[in-house]
Amino acid sequence: MVFALGGGDRLVGVTEHCRFPPEAAAIAKIGSYQTPNLEAVMALRPDLVLALEEHAPAFPLLDSLGIARAVFDHRTLPGILDSLTRLGAILARAETGGRLRAELAAAFRPPEGYDAERAPALLFVIGRGAGGGLVANAAVIGRDNLYDRLIAAAGFRNAYAGSLAYPVLSGEGIALLNPEHIVEAVYDEAGTMPAADALRKDWLALGGVRAVKNGNLHFIDADHALVPGMRLLLLKRELMNAAHVPGESP
């Protein structure tokens, strides 16, 4: 997001998971997203640390060292839109922040004439036990979260209609939902995920599910698939391209 706002040259440290744009590779690393290395952070002597709500355990130490921080919430669309405004102000890129905010907000609006009752049902799988010829312990996008809203913005309804934000479903649970489309995020940083052909074979065990029976299985092998930020625009396009939303141009 900092790069999108034109402030990449202000960054002195990023996490090991910051791979986009390519220029991020040359910036000093301060540990993982989940467990940043505070010693590495201190060695860089930053004027400001950009953090998420999830990094709260590190805040007392940063405060004790007198290191200023700005905290953002990227778990929701309003939080991400607020980040664009606040970061735009911090980086003296308020106009760019306003433009990007408007662009992202518009992308999350469902298409004209959208009817959730009639929209095709899509199940978005974000992780599962892979291989072995079956689908088990599939973590999927649930309700009332950022990606649930993106599913609607792409012209679908979420096949999962329960109350959980990120439920884990069995193969039998998926069969009961009987989605018309299944999209699976398969980016594998560690390199241990089976190839797409093997992943597709797992789904054949659920041959009665509409998405499987009609060949509407789609795999997104991209590191941005679950990274909140401006590249959510790419994910929306990929959802629409993969599932060919009727009457919409990707």
Protein backbone atom coordinates (compact mmCIF):
# COMPACT_ATOMS: atom_id res chain seq x y z
CA MET A 1 0.00 0.00 0.00
CA VAL A 2 2.89 2.37 0.74
CA PHE A 3 4.29 1.68 -2.73
CA ALA A 4 0.86 2.21 -4.31
CA LEU A 5 0.79 5.63 -2.67
CA GLY A 6 4.21 6.48 -4.09
CA GLY A 7 6.08 6.33 -0.80
CA GLY A 8 8.20 3.22 -1.28
CA ASP A 9 11.41 5.22 -1.02
CA ARG A 10 10.51 6.05 2.60
CA LEU A 11 10.57 2.42 3.72
CA VAL A 12 13.65 1.23 5.60
CA GLY A 13 12.32 -2.19 6.63
CA VAL A 14 9.60 -4.65 5.59
CA THR A 15 8.56 -8.16 6.59
CA GLU A 16 9.83 -11.30 4.87
CA HIS A 17 6.42 -11.63 3.24
CA CYS A 18 6.53 -8.26 1.50
CA ARG A 19 7.31 -9.31 -2.08
CA PHE A 20 5.43 -6.74 -4.14
CA PRO A 21 6.46 -4.71 -5.98
CA PRO A 22 9.87 -6.23 -6.87
CA GLU A 23 11.58 -3.21 -5.30
CA ALA A 24 10.48 -4.50 -1.89
CA ALA A 25 13.02 -7.33 -2.19
CA ALA A 26 15.91 -4.88 -1.75
CA ILE A 27 14.60 -3.45 1.53
CA ALA A 28 15.92 -4.75 4.87
CA LYS A 29 13.77 -7.50 6.40
CA ILE A 30 12.48 -7.28 9.97
CA GLY A 31 11.15 -10.81 10.42
CA SER A 32 7.85 -12.44 9.59
CA TYR A 33 4.39 -10.94 9.49
CA GLN A 34 3.33 -12.87 12.58
CA THR A 35 6.52 -12.37 14.60
CA PRO A 36 8.48 -9.25 13.63
CA ASN A 37 12.03 -9.09 14.99
CA LEU A 38 12.02 -6.06 17.27
CA GLU A 39 15.81 -5.99 17.48
CA ALA A 40 15.95 -5.66 13.70
CA VAL A 41 13.35 -2.90 13.87
CA MET A 42 15.38 -0.98 16.47
CA ALA A 43 18.59 -1.35 14.45
CA LEU A 44 16.94 0.49 11.55
CA ARG A 45 16.07 3.47 13.79
CA PRO A 46 12.75 4.24 12.05
CA ASP A 47 10.90 7.48 12.65
CA LEU A 48 7.60 5.59 12.47
CA VAL A 49 6.51 1.95 12.56
CA LEU A 50 3.47 0.99 10.49
CA ALA A 51 1.68 -1.85 12.26
CA LEU A 52 -1.58 -3.77 12.22
CA GLU A 53 -3.89 -4.49 15.13
CA GLU A 54 -2.50 -8.04 15.20
CA HIS A 55 0.90 -6.71 16.25
CA ALA A 56 -0.37 -5.35 19.57
CA PRO A 57 1.97 -7.56 21.69
CA ALA A 58 4.92 -5.54 20.33
CA PHE A 59 3.45 -2.13 21.14
CA PRO A 60 4.61 -1.85 24.79
CA LEU A 61 8.24 -2.37 23.81
CA LEU A 62 8.01 0.11 20.93
CA ASP A 63 6.48 2.61 23.32
CA SER A 64 9.19 2.04 25.92
CA LEU A 65 11.82 2.74 23.27
CA GLY A 66 10.11 5.91 22.15
CA ILE A 67 9.43 4.60 18.64
CA ALA A 68 6.30 6.16 17.17
CA ARG A 69 3.74 3.87 15.58
CA ALA A 70 0.66 4.13 13.41
CA VAL A 71 -1.75 1.22 13.74
CA PHE A 72 -4.11 0.08 10.98
CA ASP A 73 -6.90 -2.49 10.67
CA HIS A 74 -6.89 -4.44 7.41
CA ARG A 75 -9.48 -7.01 8.45
CA THR A 76 -12.36 -5.00 7.01
CA LEU A 77 -13.01 -2.84 3.96
CA PRO A 78 -13.63 0.31 6.04
CA GLY A 79 -10.31 -0.32 7.76
CA ILE A 80 -8.43 -0.61 4.48
CA LEU A 81 -10.11 2.52 3.08
CA ASP A 82 -9.19 4.38 6.27
CA SER A 83 -5.58 3.20 5.84
CA LEU A 84 -5.39 4.75 2.38
CA THR A 85 -6.55 8.08 3.79
CA ARG A 86 -4.25 8.01 6.81
CA LEU A 87 -1.20 6.73 4.94
CA GLY A 88 -1.82 9.30 2.22
CA ALA A 89 -1.63 12.00 4.88
CA ILE A 90 1.47 10.50 6.55
CA LEU A 91 3.31 10.29 3.23
CA ALA A 92 2.10 13.67 1.98
CA ARG A 93 0.20 11.85 -0.77
CA ALA A 94 -3.32 12.81 0.28
CA GLU A 95 -4.58 13.26 -3.29
CA THR A 96 -3.28 9.84 -4.34
CA GLY A 97 -4.75 8.30 -1.19
CA GLY A 98 -8.14 9.78 -1.97
CA ARG A 99 -8.04 8.51 -5.55
CA LEU A 100 -7.03 4.98 -4.53
CA ARG A 101 -9.64 4.95 -1.79
CA ALA A 102 -12.38 5.86 -4.27
CA GLU A 103 -11.15 3.24 -6.75
CA LEU A 104 -11.14 0.45 -4.15
CA ALA A 105 -14.50 1.45 -2.68
CA ALA A 106 -16.05 1.39 -6.15
CA ALA A 107 -14.60 -2.07 -6.85
CA PHE A 108 -16.44 -3.48 -3.84
CA ARG A 109 -19.86 -2.41 -5.08
CA PRO A 110 -21.89 -5.32 -6.51
CA PRO A 111 -22.67 -5.06 -10.24
CA GLU A 112 -25.80 -3.23 -11.34
CA GLY A 113 -28.88 -5.39 -10.91
CA TYR A 114 -27.13 -7.77 -8.51
CA ASP A 115 -29.59 -10.12 -6.81
CA ALA A 116 -28.07 -12.22 -4.05
CA GLU A 117 -30.92 -14.73 -4.30
CA ARG A 118 -30.27 -15.42 -7.98
CA ALA A 119 -26.52 -14.93 -8.18
CA PRO A 120 -24.44 -18.09 -8.81
CA ALA A 121 -23.12 -19.68 -5.61
CA LEU A 122 -19.35 -19.58 -5.22
CA LEU A 123 -17.26 -21.30 -2.56
CA PHE A 124 -13.85 -19.71 -1.96
CA VAL A 125 -11.41 -22.19 -0.44
CA ILE A 126 -8.32 -20.66 1.21
CA GLY A 127 -6.65 -23.76 2.61
CA ARG A 128 -7.17 -27.49 3.09
CA GLY A 129 -5.57 -30.85 3.52
CA ALA A 130 -4.29 -31.47 -0.01
CA GLY A 131 -3.58 -34.76 -1.72
CA GLY A 132 -4.77 -38.26 -0.96
CA GLY A 133 -7.66 -38.16 -3.39
CA LEU A 134 -10.12 -36.37 -1.14
CA VAL A 135 -11.06 -32.95 0.18
CA ALA A 136 -10.91 -32.51 3.96
CA ASN A 137 -10.61 -29.71 6.49
CA ALA A 138 -11.24 -27.03 3.89
CA ALA A 139 -10.99 -23.50 5.29
CA VAL A 140 -13.35 -21.29 3.32
CA ILE A 141 -14.41 -17.68 3.19
CA GLY A 142 -17.41 -17.27 5.48
CA ARG A 143 -19.70 -14.39 6.22
CA ASP A 144 -19.36 -10.70 6.95
CA ASN A 145 -15.70 -10.28 6.13
CA LEU A 146 -13.63 -8.53 3.49
CA TYR A 147 -13.62 -11.45 1.06
CA ASP A 148 -17.31 -12.20 1.50
CA ARG A 149 -17.95 -8.68 0.26
CA LEU A 150 -15.56 -9.22 -2.66
CA ILE A 151 -17.47 -12.34 -3.70
CA ALA A 152 -20.63 -10.23 -3.98
CA ALA A 153 -18.73 -7.47 -5.78
CA ALA A 154 -17.63 -10.03 -8.38
CA GLY A 155 -21.29 -10.92 -9.01
CA PHE A 156 -21.71 -14.07 -6.91
CA ARG A 157 -23.29 -15.07 -3.65
CA ASN A 158 -21.23 -16.85 -1.05
CA ALA A 159 -22.16 -20.53 -1.05
CA TYR A 160 -21.52 -20.61 2.68
CA ALA A 161 -24.50 -19.06 4.45
CA GLY A 162 -23.59 -19.78 8.07
CA SER A 163 -22.45 -17.35 10.73
CA LEU A 164 -18.70 -18.06 10.89
CA ALA A 165 -16.15 -15.75 9.27
CA TYR A 166 -13.70 -18.50 8.27
CA PRO A 167 -15.31 -21.93 8.74
CA VAL A 168 -13.57 -25.26 8.16
CA LEU A 169 -15.68 -27.72 6.18
CA SER A 170 -15.52 -31.42 5.51
CA GLY A 171 -16.11 -32.86 2.07
CA GLU A 172 -19.61 -33.77 3.18
CA GLY A 173 -20.19 -30.19 4.30
CA ILE A 174 -19.15 -28.88 0.90
CA ALA A 175 -21.43 -31.41 -0.81
CA LEU A 176 -24.36 -30.09 1.21
CA LEU A 177 -23.61 -26.55 0.05
CA ASN A 178 -23.43 -27.77 -3.57
CA PRO A 179 -21.80 -24.62 -4.99
CA GLU A 180 -21.92 -23.80 -8.68
CA HIS A 181 -18.32 -22.54 -8.65
CA ILE A 182 -15.35 -23.38 -6.48
CA VAL A 183 -12.32 -21.10 -6.38
CA GLU A 184 -9.27 -22.29 -4.47
CA ALA A 185 -6.32 -20.10 -3.49
CA VAL A 186 -3.31 -22.38 -3.91
CA TYR A 187 -0.29 -20.10 -3.57
CA ASP A 188 2.35 -22.08 -1.68
CA GLU A 189 5.30 -20.09 -0.37
CA ALA A 190 6.93 -23.19 1.14
CA GLY A 191 6.71 -25.20 -2.09
CA THR A 192 4.91 -28.16 -0.48
CA MET A 193 1.55 -27.85 -2.22
CA PRO A 194 0.73 -30.51 -4.84
CA ALA A 195 0.44 -29.41 -8.45
CA ALA A 196 -2.91 -28.11 -9.72
CA ASP A 197 -3.65 -31.42 -11.48
CA ALA A 198 -3.33 -33.30 -8.19
CA LEU A 199 -5.48 -30.74 -6.40
CA ARG A 200 -8.13 -31.09 -9.10
CA LYS A 201 -8.13 -34.87 -8.69
CA ASP A 202 -8.94 -34.46 -5.00
CA TRP A 203 -12.16 -32.74 -5.93
CA LEU A 204 -13.29 -35.66 -8.09
CA ALA A 205 -14.30 -37.42 -4.88
CA LEU A 206 -17.09 -34.81 -4.74
CA GLY A 207 -18.29 -35.54 -8.27
CA GLY A 208 -21.92 -34.84 -7.39
CA VAL A 209 -21.20 -31.21 -6.49
CA ARG A 210 -22.30 -28.88 -9.30
CA ALA A 211 -18.95 -27.10 -9.56
CA VAL A 212 -17.08 -30.38 -9.90
CA LYS A 213 -19.61 -32.00 -12.22
CA ASN A 214 -19.63 -29.00 -14.56
CA GLY A 215 -15.89 -28.37 -14.49
CA ASN A 216 -16.20 -25.07 -12.63
CA LEU A 217 -13.10 -25.55 -10.48
CA HIS A 218 -10.68 -22.65 -10.53
CA PHE A 219 -7.26 -22.25 -8.90
CA ILE A 220 -5.59 -18.93 -8.11
CA ASP A 221 -1.84 -19.38 -7.68
CA ALA A 222 -0.83 -15.87 -6.65
CA ASP A 223 0.63 -14.43 -3.47
CA HIS A 224 -1.82 -11.53 -3.44
CA ALA A 225 -4.92 -13.72 -3.20
CA LEU A 226 -5.21 -13.21 0.55
CA VAL A 227 -3.22 -10.01 1.07
CA PRO A 228 -5.54 -7.07 1.84
CA GLY A 229 -4.64 -3.97 -0.13
CA MET A 230 -4.92 -2.49 -3.60
CA ARG A 231 -4.24 -5.86 -5.21
CA LEU A 232 -7.73 -6.91 -4.11
CA LEU A 233 -8.62 -5.35 -7.47
CA LEU A 234 -6.62 -8.14 -9.13
CA LEU A 235 -8.35 -10.79 -7.04
CA LYS A 236 -11.76 -9.49 -8.06
CA ARG A 237 -10.74 -9.63 -11.70
CA GLU A 238 -9.45 -13.19 -11.24
CA LEU A 239 -12.71 -14.28 -9.63
CA MET A 240 -14.65 -12.83 -12.54
CA ASN A 241 -12.28 -14.28 -15.15
CA ALA A 242 -12.26 -17.73 -13.57
CA ALA A 243 -15.98 -18.08 -13.21
CA HIS A 244 -17.14 -16.06 -16.24
CA VAL A 245 -19.81 -13.93 -14.62
CA PRO A 246 -22.71 -13.66 -17.11
CA GLY A 247 -23.11 -10.21 -18.59
CA GLU A 248 -19.98 -8.78 -17.00
CA SER A 249 -16.68 -7.82 -18.56
CA PRO A 250 -13.72 -8.76 -16.33
